[in-house]
Amino acid sequence: MKNLVIYLATISVVLLFGGCSFKTMATIDKVDNEFVDFAGIEQIYASDEDVVIYYTHGMGTPRSDDKETMQFFDAVAKEAGFPHAMEVNTYTHFANFGDMTVKVYGDENNIRKMYLFSLGWGKHLDFIEMSLQYRGRPFSEFNTKTNNKINNFVDMGLADAVLYLSPEMGERIYETLNEEIEYSYKKFDVANKDKILISTSLGSKVVFDMLKRKEGKASIDDFVETLQQVFMTSNQIPLLDLYSQVKDNTHMTRDAAHRVSPTLSSMAEVYRNKSLVKPIPVIAFSDPADALSYYNCNTISDTFSFVNVTITHAKWRYFFFIANPLEAHGGFKSGDVGYQAIVHGSEVFEFEDYDDPLRCQNNPN
């Protein structure tokens, strides 16, 4: 009996910690058998420079001021030395349905500032997706909590990608982001200041496509020319690129490593037109537990200094062996590693020595 009690107690403790803690492992691309470093806010900005961050949300996030996003950037600001929230406002009606939340943080003396511009475009899709939110599934009241989460994830998440790939909706979203960036330039002193872009999931493709489509506009050109680094979280571009690859037959190239990403190619054209001196660092985070994020095999070295970071940052349950893929898709913002990576760069990680020479080759099975 005593042994049984000890056994059950041990199981309970393991399950408790498995459900409440994060198991974090990471690996990063190598060059000449050495891990590639990447910079964070501390390395990108001088100690007297204002920090300017633009953020684009991913699928299933209809508001620019959602609670998780604001908490994440509060943590980024505090870690970067900007503990004071000086101003926060949400501006609306960009291209009718767009909204942008602006939060300005100050340092200890409120002299140096960190600007956050959270660009919202999801409301364009939200009203259409409401047609999926009806009780049209027989016996849906008997669904498990997990099944209901999956249904909601598909209805309010994957539907975003389906709608975005329609040309009409894409143009509405491009104009929304363009108007939001233009307004940020008119309202705040950010012109000619170095910027970083943080994007999540579908938002990475959305903003890259928009910068290509709106090339030539003054604020967009300045944004491109002053962009210092891109952090892509829950990297979904390889999945979304399938649509464009079918259109231009690049899917006929069997070796994934030699396919050209249409999304990255479009961005590359924008930067080549600017004759920029050095490649833009693009740090792409993906999670093997996330069913919708991918390692990116397509890099364009003359324009981007592209680094893949594979990291497990979702909550792990059941003896640390099983991760919830729905939580994993937004896991970057929910743990400690995400905001520390934005501020400190690669120095926050202890990278696993992982190498798979077949990673970017098609599975023969």
Protein backbone atom coordinates (compact mmCIF):
# COMPACT_ATOMS: atom_id res chain seq x y z
CA MET A 1 0.00 0.00 0.00
CA LYS A 2 2.80 2.37 0.90
CA ASN A 3 4.48 1.74 -2.45
CA LEU A 4 1.20 2.40 -4.24
CA VAL A 5 0.79 5.75 -2.46
CA ILE A 6 4.36 6.74 -3.35
CA TYR A 7 3.77 5.70 -6.96
CA LEU A 8 0.53 7.69 -7.25
CA ALA A 9 2.12 10.71 -5.57
CA THR A 10 5.04 10.57 -8.02
CA ILE A 11 2.67 10.36 -10.99
CA SER A 12 0.68 13.34 -9.67
CA VAL A 13 3.78 15.49 -9.27
CA VAL A 14 5.02 14.63 -12.78
CA LEU A 15 1.63 15.43 -14.31
CA LEU A 16 1.41 18.68 -12.34
CA PHE A 17 4.78 19.91 -13.53
CA GLY A 18 4.16 18.57 -17.02
CA GLY A 19 1.03 20.69 -17.29
CA CYS A 20 2.40 23.86 -15.74
CA SER A 21 5.93 24.18 -17.00
CA PHE A 22 7.72 24.65 -20.29
CA LYS A 23 10.18 22.21 -21.73
CA THR A 24 12.36 24.27 -24.06
CA MET A 25 14.76 22.86 -26.60
CA ALA A 26 16.18 24.79 -29.52
CA THR A 27 18.40 24.35 -32.52
CA ILE A 28 19.57 26.89 -35.08
CA ASP A 29 21.06 26.84 -38.55
CA LYS A 30 24.78 26.22 -38.85
CA VAL A 31 27.39 27.72 -41.18
CA ASP A 32 30.76 25.96 -41.39
CA ASN A 33 29.58 23.76 -38.49
CA GLU A 34 29.10 26.79 -36.20
CA PHE A 35 25.79 28.01 -34.79
CA VAL A 36 24.57 31.24 -36.41
CA ASP A 37 24.05 34.12 -33.99
CA PHE A 38 21.27 36.67 -34.27
CA ALA A 39 20.81 40.03 -32.61
CA GLY A 40 18.09 41.34 -30.31
CA ILE A 41 17.00 44.85 -29.39
CA GLU A 42 20.08 45.27 -27.18
CA GLN A 43 22.43 44.70 -30.11
CA ILE A 44 20.38 46.43 -32.83
CA TYR A 45 19.87 49.77 -31.08
CA ALA A 46 22.38 52.14 -29.49
CA SER A 47 21.75 53.04 -25.86
CA ASP A 48 20.37 56.47 -26.80
CA GLU A 49 18.15 55.36 -29.70
CA ASP A 50 14.39 54.95 -29.56
CA VAL A 51 13.16 51.44 -30.33
CA VAL A 52 10.45 51.12 -32.99
CA ILE A 53 8.58 47.82 -33.34
CA TYR A 54 5.87 46.99 -35.86
CA TYR A 55 3.86 43.85 -35.19
CA THR A 56 1.42 41.95 -37.41
CA HIS A 57 -0.84 39.31 -35.89
CA GLY A 58 -1.61 35.94 -37.41
CA MET A 59 -4.77 34.04 -38.12
CA GLY A 60 -7.64 33.96 -35.69
CA THR A 61 -6.71 37.27 -33.99
CA PRO A 62 -9.23 39.91 -35.06
CA ARG A 63 -8.04 42.72 -32.75
CA SER A 64 -4.73 44.56 -32.62
CA ASP A 65 -4.96 44.94 -28.84
CA ASP A 66 -5.65 41.36 -27.82
CA LYS A 67 -4.61 40.61 -24.28
CA GLU A 68 -1.86 38.07 -25.04
CA THR A 69 -0.14 40.40 -27.51
CA MET A 70 -0.18 43.34 -25.13
CA GLN A 71 1.16 41.22 -22.26
CA PHE A 72 3.94 39.91 -24.50
CA PHE A 73 5.11 43.37 -25.50
CA ASP A 74 4.83 44.61 -21.93
CA ALA A 75 7.35 41.86 -21.10
CA VAL A 76 9.54 42.87 -24.06
CA ALA A 77 9.50 46.50 -22.95
CA LYS A 78 10.33 45.72 -19.33
CA GLU A 79 13.17 43.38 -20.32
CA ALA A 80 14.55 46.01 -22.73
CA GLY A 81 14.60 48.73 -20.06
CA PHE A 82 11.31 50.50 -20.77
CA PRO A 83 9.24 49.88 -17.63
CA HIS A 84 6.79 52.77 -18.02
CA ALA A 85 3.74 52.66 -20.29
CA MET A 86 3.42 56.31 -21.30
CA GLU A 87 0.60 56.08 -23.81
CA VAL A 88 -1.73 53.50 -25.32
CA ASN A 89 -4.41 54.10 -27.94
CA THR A 90 -6.29 52.05 -30.48
CA TYR A 91 -7.07 53.75 -33.78
CA THR A 92 -9.78 52.35 -36.04
CA HIS A 93 -11.45 52.50 -39.46
CA PHE A 94 -8.37 51.93 -41.60
CA ALA A 95 -9.84 50.80 -44.94
CA ASN A 96 -13.13 50.55 -42.99
CA PHE A 97 -12.29 47.58 -40.75
CA GLY A 98 -8.61 47.85 -39.80
CA ASP A 99 -7.44 48.82 -36.32
CA MET A 100 -4.00 49.72 -34.98
CA THR A 101 -2.97 49.75 -31.33
CA VAL A 102 -0.08 52.02 -30.43
CA LYS A 103 1.71 51.70 -27.11
CA VAL A 104 4.58 53.98 -26.15
CA TYR A 105 6.91 52.90 -23.36
CA GLY A 106 9.50 55.03 -21.56
CA ASP A 107 12.78 54.24 -19.85
CA GLU A 108 13.37 54.97 -16.18
CA ASN A 109 13.43 58.72 -16.88
CA ASN A 110 10.83 58.66 -19.67
CA ILE A 111 13.43 60.09 -22.07
CA ARG A 112 14.21 57.18 -24.35
CA LYS A 113 11.12 55.49 -25.82
CA MET A 114 9.97 52.19 -27.26
CA TYR A 115 7.15 52.43 -29.78
CA LEU A 116 4.90 49.45 -30.48
CA PHE A 117 2.62 49.57 -33.51
CA SER A 118 0.32 46.54 -33.53
CA LEU A 119 -1.25 46.41 -36.99
CA GLY A 120 -4.70 44.82 -37.09
CA TRP A 121 -6.37 43.46 -40.23
CA GLY A 122 -8.35 40.48 -38.91
CA LYS A 123 -11.72 42.25 -38.69
CA HIS A 124 -11.95 42.15 -42.48
CA LEU A 125 -12.22 38.39 -42.13
CA ASP A 126 -14.00 38.16 -38.80
CA PHE A 127 -17.40 39.27 -40.09
CA ILE A 128 -17.29 36.74 -42.94
CA GLU A 129 -16.19 33.90 -40.67
CA MET A 130 -19.19 34.47 -38.40
CA SER A 131 -21.15 32.44 -40.95
CA LEU A 132 -19.26 29.39 -39.66
CA GLN A 133 -20.23 30.06 -36.05
CA TYR A 134 -23.63 28.42 -35.90
CA ARG A 135 -24.94 25.27 -34.24
CA GLY A 136 -25.03 23.30 -37.48
CA ARG A 137 -23.20 20.20 -36.29
CA PRO A 138 -25.54 17.52 -34.89
CA PHE A 139 -24.53 16.34 -31.41
CA SER A 140 -21.99 19.20 -31.13
CA GLU A 141 -23.07 19.68 -27.52
CA PHE A 142 -21.52 16.29 -26.77
CA ASN A 143 -18.11 17.25 -28.17
CA THR A 144 -15.15 17.13 -25.86
CA LYS A 145 -13.50 20.39 -24.91
CA THR A 146 -10.57 19.48 -27.15
CA ASN A 147 -12.84 18.88 -30.16
CA ASN A 148 -14.55 22.21 -29.65
CA LYS A 149 -11.17 23.94 -29.50
CA ILE A 150 -10.13 22.29 -32.76
CA ASN A 151 -13.41 23.29 -34.44
CA ASN A 152 -12.98 26.88 -33.31
CA PHE A 153 -9.34 26.87 -34.44
CA VAL A 154 -10.42 25.83 -37.93
CA ASP A 155 -13.44 28.16 -38.09
CA MET A 156 -11.65 31.27 -36.88
CA GLY A 157 -8.10 30.40 -37.84
CA LEU A 158 -7.57 28.33 -40.97
CA ALA A 159 -10.46 30.17 -42.59
CA ASP A 160 -8.27 33.31 -42.49
CA ALA A 161 -5.76 31.75 -44.88
CA VAL A 162 -8.53 30.63 -47.26
CA LEU A 163 -10.01 34.13 -47.36
CA TYR A 164 -6.66 35.91 -47.60
CA LEU A 165 -5.67 34.00 -50.74
CA SER A 166 -8.62 35.52 -52.61
CA PRO A 167 -7.24 38.53 -54.56
CA GLU A 168 -10.08 40.85 -53.50
CA MET A 169 -9.56 40.21 -49.79
CA GLY A 170 -5.79 40.44 -50.17
CA GLU A 171 -6.07 43.92 -51.66
CA ARG A 172 -8.32 45.11 -48.81
CA ILE A 173 -5.78 43.87 -46.27
CA TYR A 174 -2.82 45.44 -48.12
CA GLU A 175 -4.57 48.80 -48.12
CA THR A 176 -5.40 48.44 -44.44
CA LEU A 177 -1.76 47.88 -43.44
CA ASN A 178 -0.62 50.63 -45.78
CA GLU A 179 -3.00 53.14 -44.18
CA GLU A 180 -1.96 52.08 -40.68
CA ILE A 181 1.75 52.53 -41.42
CA GLU A 182 1.08 55.87 -43.11
CA TYR A 183 -0.86 57.03 -40.04
CA SER A 184 1.92 55.93 -37.70
CA TYR A 185 4.30 58.17 -39.64
CA LYS A 186 1.97 61.16 -39.49
CA LYS A 187 1.07 60.79 -35.81
CA PHE A 188 4.45 59.75 -34.33
CA ASP A 189 8.08 60.65 -34.79
CA VAL A 190 9.26 57.41 -36.40
CA ALA A 191 10.42 58.47 -39.87
CA ASN A 192 14.10 57.69 -40.52
CA LYS A 193 14.33 55.69 -37.29
CA ASP A 194 15.56 52.10 -37.28
CA LYS A 195 12.76 49.58 -37.05
CA ILE A 196 12.21 45.90 -36.40
CA LEU A 197 9.27 43.85 -37.61
CA ILE A 198 7.73 41.01 -35.60
CA SER A 199 5.13 38.90 -37.36
CA THR A 200 3.12 35.83 -36.44
CA SER A 201 1.90 32.99 -38.64
CA LEU A 202 -0.13 34.25 -41.62
CA GLY A 203 0.85 37.82 -40.69
CA SER A 204 4.36 37.26 -42.05
CA LYS A 205 3.13 36.60 -45.57
CA VAL A 206 0.52 39.36 -45.32
CA VAL A 207 3.05 42.07 -44.47
CA PHE A 208 5.67 40.83 -46.95
CA ASP A 209 3.09 40.80 -49.76
CA MET A 210 1.87 44.26 -48.76
CA LEU A 211 5.36 45.81 -48.84
CA LYS A 212 5.76 44.58 -52.41
CA ARG A 213 2.31 45.77 -53.52
CA LYS A 214 2.65 49.22 -51.94
CA GLU A 215 6.25 49.84 -53.01
CA GLY A 216 6.78 53.46 -54.05
CA LYS A 217 4.70 55.08 -51.30
CA ALA A 218 6.81 57.38 -49.12
CA SER A 219 6.08 55.79 -45.74
CA ILE A 220 6.43 52.25 -47.11
CA ASP A 221 9.74 53.09 -48.77
CA ASP A 222 11.07 54.58 -45.53
CA PHE A 223 9.84 51.54 -43.62
CA VAL A 224 11.74 49.24 -45.98
CA GLU A 225 14.91 51.33 -45.91
CA THR A 226 15.00 51.60 -42.10
CA LEU A 227 14.01 48.00 -41.33
CA GLN A 228 16.87 46.41 -39.41
CA GLN A 229 15.58 42.93 -38.64
CA VAL A 230 12.55 40.66 -38.98
CA PHE A 231 11.36 38.13 -36.40
CA MET A 232 8.88 35.65 -37.89
CA THR A 233 7.15 33.49 -35.29
CA SER A 234 5.06 30.38 -36.01
CA ASN A 235 6.60 30.46 -39.49
CA GLN A 236 3.85 29.51 -41.95
CA ILE A 237 5.28 30.83 -45.22
CA PRO A 238 6.26 27.42 -46.70
CA LEU A 239 2.64 26.26 -46.37
CA LEU A 240 1.14 29.44 -47.83
CA ASP A 241 3.66 29.45 -50.67
CA LEU A 242 2.06 26.28 -52.04
CA TYR A 243 -0.69 28.40 -53.60
CA SER A 244 1.79 30.51 -55.58
CA GLN A 245 3.95 27.53 -56.49
CA VAL A 246 1.00 25.85 -58.16
CA LYS A 247 0.29 29.03 -60.14
CA ASP A 248 3.83 29.34 -61.53
CA ASN A 249 4.71 25.61 -61.71
CA THR A 250 7.62 25.83 -59.26
CA HIS A 251 6.07 22.81 -57.55
CA MET A 252 7.48 20.78 -60.44
CA THR A 253 10.94 21.11 -58.84
CA ARG A 254 11.06 18.01 -56.67
CA ASP A 255 13.89 19.05 -54.35
CA ALA A 256 12.41 21.40 -51.74
CA ALA A 257 15.80 22.98 -51.13
CA HIS A 258 15.86 24.37 -54.68
CA ARG A 259 12.34 25.73 -54.83
CA VAL A 260 12.12 29.49 -54.71
CA SER A 261 9.72 30.93 -52.15
CA PRO A 262 7.34 33.33 -53.98
CA THR A 263 6.83 35.33 -50.79
CA LEU A 264 10.53 35.78 -50.09
CA SER A 265 11.24 36.43 -53.77
CA SER A 266 8.77 39.32 -53.77
CA MET A 267 10.42 40.83 -50.72
CA ALA A 268 13.84 40.30 -52.29
CA GLU A 269 12.78 42.39 -55.29
CA VAL A 270 11.78 45.26 -52.99
CA TYR A 271 15.17 45.28 -51.29
CA ARG A 272 17.14 44.92 -54.51
CA ASN A 273 15.35 47.99 -55.83
CA LYS A 274 16.62 49.92 -52.80
CA SER A 275 20.25 48.87 -53.41
CA LEU A 276 20.66 48.16 -49.71
CA VAL A 277 24.19 47.71 -48.41
CA LYS A 278 23.69 44.55 -46.35
CA PRO A 279 21.18 41.69 -46.24
CA ILE A 280 18.28 42.06 -43.81
CA PRO A 281 18.40 39.49 -40.99
CA VAL A 282 15.23 37.39 -40.95
CA ILE A 283 14.88 35.14 -37.90
CA ALA A 284 12.23 32.48 -38.51
CA PHE A 285 10.93 30.57 -35.48
CA SER A 286 9.10 27.28 -35.89
CA ASP A 287 7.99 24.59 -33.45
CA PRO A 288 7.91 20.85 -34.26
CA ALA A 289 4.88 20.51 -31.96
CA ASP A 290 3.03 23.15 -34.01
CA ALA A 291 1.06 21.53 -36.82
CA LEU A 292 1.08 24.81 -38.77
CA SER A 293 4.66 26.07 -38.60
CA TYR A 294 7.51 25.03 -40.84
CA TYR A 295 11.26 25.10 -41.24
CA ASN A 296 12.09 27.32 -44.22
CA CYS A 297 14.33 25.67 -46.81
CA ASN A 298 14.24 28.61 -49.23
CA THR A 299 16.66 31.43 -48.46
CA ILE A 300 17.83 34.31 -50.63
CA SER A 301 21.29 35.12 -49.37
CA ASP A 302 21.95 38.27 -51.40
CA THR A 303 18.96 40.01 -49.79
CA PHE A 304 18.22 38.21 -46.54
CA SER A 305 20.46 36.86 -43.84
CA PHE A 306 18.00 34.07 -43.11
CA VAL A 307 18.20 32.06 -39.88
CA ASN A 308 15.89 29.20 -38.88
CA VAL A 309 15.37 28.67 -35.15
CA THR A 310 13.50 25.50 -34.25
CA ILE A 311 12.24 25.74 -30.71
CA THR A 312 9.78 23.87 -28.53
CA HIS A 313 8.08 26.52 -26.47
CA ALA A 314 4.57 25.13 -25.94
CA LYS A 315 3.33 23.60 -22.71
CA TRP A 316 4.18 19.93 -22.53
CA ARG A 317 1.89 17.56 -20.69
CA TYR A 318 1.75 13.89 -19.85
CA PHE A 319 5.32 13.16 -18.84
CA PHE A 320 6.60 15.89 -21.22
CA PHE A 321 5.96 13.70 -24.28
CA ILE A 322 2.81 15.24 -25.77
CA ALA A 323 2.30 18.90 -26.68
CA ASN A 324 -0.96 20.57 -27.63
CA PRO A 325 -0.49 21.73 -31.27
CA LEU A 326 -3.13 24.43 -30.86
CA GLU A 327 -1.23 26.02 -27.99
CA ALA A 328 2.06 25.50 -29.81
CA HIS A 329 1.00 27.70 -32.72
CA GLY A 330 0.94 30.76 -30.48
CA GLY A 331 3.48 29.47 -27.99
CA PHE A 332 6.18 32.02 -28.79
CA LYS A 333 4.26 34.77 -26.99
CA SER A 334 3.17 32.70 -24.00
CA GLY A 335 6.52 31.64 -22.51
CA ASP A 336 9.64 33.33 -21.21
CA VAL A 337 11.89 32.47 -24.13
CA GLY A 338 10.04 34.55 -26.73
CA TYR A 339 10.37 38.01 -25.24
CA GLN A 340 13.93 37.30 -24.10
CA ALA A 341 14.93 36.30 -27.66
CA ILE A 342 13.49 39.57 -29.00
CA VAL A 343 15.50 41.60 -26.48
CA HIS A 344 18.74 39.63 -26.12
CA GLY A 345 18.95 37.66 -29.38
CA SER A 346 20.45 34.20 -29.62
CA GLU A 347 22.44 34.50 -26.40
CA VAL A 348 19.37 33.42 -24.39
CA PHE A 349 19.47 29.94 -25.95
CA GLU A 350 21.53 26.87 -25.33
CA PHE A 351 21.24 25.27 -28.75
CA GLU A 352 21.00 21.54 -29.22
CA ASP A 353 23.57 20.11 -31.65
CA TYR A 354 21.11 18.80 -34.21
CA ASP A 355 21.84 18.08 -37.84
CA ASP A 356 19.59 16.34 -40.36
CA PRO A 357 21.16 16.33 -43.85
CA LEU A 358 17.83 15.22 -45.38
CA ARG A 359 15.83 18.03 -43.76
CA CYS A 360 15.06 19.86 -47.00
CA GLN A 361 14.67 16.83 -49.25
CA ASN A 362 11.35 15.28 -50.09
CA ASN A 363 10.36 12.25 -48.04
CA PRO A 364 10.53 9.28 -50.45
CA ASN A 365 7.75 7.62 -48.50
